[in-house]
Protein backbone atom coordinates (compact mmCIF):
# COMPACT_ATOMS: atom_id res chain seq x y z
CA UNK A 1 -16.12 -24.60 -2.76
CA UNK A 2 -15.97 -24.55 -6.55
CA UNK A 3 -12.87 -24.70 -8.70
CA UNK A 4 -12.36 -24.50 -12.45
CA UNK A 5 -9.30 -25.77 -14.21
CA UNK A 6 -6.75 -26.35 -15.25
CA UNK A 7 -6.95 -23.13 -17.21
CA UNK A 8 -3.39 -23.15 -18.54
CA UNK A 9 -0.98 -25.99 -19.23
CA UNK A 10 2.08 -26.38 -17.03
CA UNK A 11 5.22 -24.52 -18.02
CA UNK A 12 8.82 -24.60 -16.88
CA UNK A 13 9.50 -21.13 -18.31
CA UNK A 14 9.58 -18.56 -15.50
CA UNK A 15 8.40 -15.65 -17.66
CA UNK A 16 5.48 -17.66 -19.00
CA UNK A 17 4.64 -18.79 -15.46
CA UNK A 18 4.55 -15.18 -14.25
CA UNK A 19 2.36 -14.13 -17.19
CA UNK A 20 -0.08 -16.96 -16.51
CA UNK A 21 -0.09 -16.25 -12.77
CA UNK A 22 -0.98 -12.61 -13.45
CA UNK A 23 -3.74 -13.70 -15.83
CA UNK A 24 -5.22 -16.02 -13.18
CA UNK A 25 -5.02 -13.26 -10.58
CA UNK A 26 -7.00 -10.96 -12.89
CA UNK A 27 -9.61 -13.68 -13.48
CA UNK A 28 -9.92 -14.12 -9.71
CA UNK A 29 -10.28 -10.37 -9.19
CA UNK A 30 -13.00 -10.15 -11.82
CA UNK A 31 -14.82 -13.16 -10.36
CA UNK A 32 -14.80 -11.57 -6.90
CA UNK A 33 -16.13 -8.33 -8.35
CA UNK A 34 -18.89 -9.95 -10.39
CA UNK A 35 -19.98 -12.27 -7.59
CA UNK A 36 -20.18 -9.37 -5.14
CA UNK A 37 -22.20 -7.33 -7.63
CA UNK A 38 -24.53 -10.33 -8.14
CA UNK A 39 -25.25 -10.38 -4.40
CA UNK A 40 -22.99 -13.18 -3.21
CA UNK A 41 -20.91 -12.74 -0.07
CA UNK A 42 -17.28 -13.17 -1.08
CA UNK A 43 -14.88 -13.90 1.78
CA UNK A 44 -11.66 -13.19 -0.07
CA UNK A 45 -10.33 -10.49 -2.34
CA UNK A 46 -7.92 -10.58 -5.22
CA UNK A 47 -5.32 -8.06 -6.31
CA UNK A 48 -5.21 -6.73 -9.82
CA UNK A 49 -3.26 -8.97 -12.12
CA UNK A 50 -2.47 -8.87 -15.80
CA UNK A 51 -4.60 -8.00 -18.79
CA UNK A 52 -8.01 -9.66 -18.83
CA UNK A 53 -8.56 -12.00 -21.78
CA UNK A 54 -12.28 -11.42 -22.34
CA UNK A 55 -12.82 -14.68 -24.22
CA UNK A 56 -11.19 -16.69 -21.44
CA UNK A 57 -13.10 -14.68 -18.84
CA UNK A 58 -16.43 -15.51 -20.47
CA UNK A 59 -15.57 -19.23 -20.37
CA UNK A 60 -14.53 -19.12 -16.72
CA UNK A 61 -17.55 -17.02 -15.73
CA UNK A 62 -19.89 -19.47 -17.48
CA UNK A 63 -18.36 -22.37 -15.53
CA UNK A 64 -18.94 -20.58 -12.22
CA UNK A 65 -22.46 -19.50 -13.25
CA UNK A 66 -23.45 -23.19 -13.30
CA UNK A 67 -22.95 -23.17 -9.52
CA UNK A 68 -23.80 -19.50 -8.88
CA UNK A 69 -26.85 -18.75 -11.07
CA UNK A 70 -27.11 -15.08 -10.06
CA UNK A 71 -24.03 -14.55 -12.26
CA UNK A 72 -26.34 -15.12 -15.25
CA UNK A 73 -28.39 -11.99 -14.55
């Protein structure tokens, strides 16, 4: 198992929490998609979340690519 984080700081604001939760869900969905396309067997799926922050996505993807090198292709 590989985890990356924390990605966002803690918040006590409910709206901000929901926004961040949706962003994480979209990062998870994209990771599942890219790992499957790279040939990895993914045992979970993720629902669509919020808008994907491409800069943040590239950082997260690079962290996972250290452990899953087929993501670099």
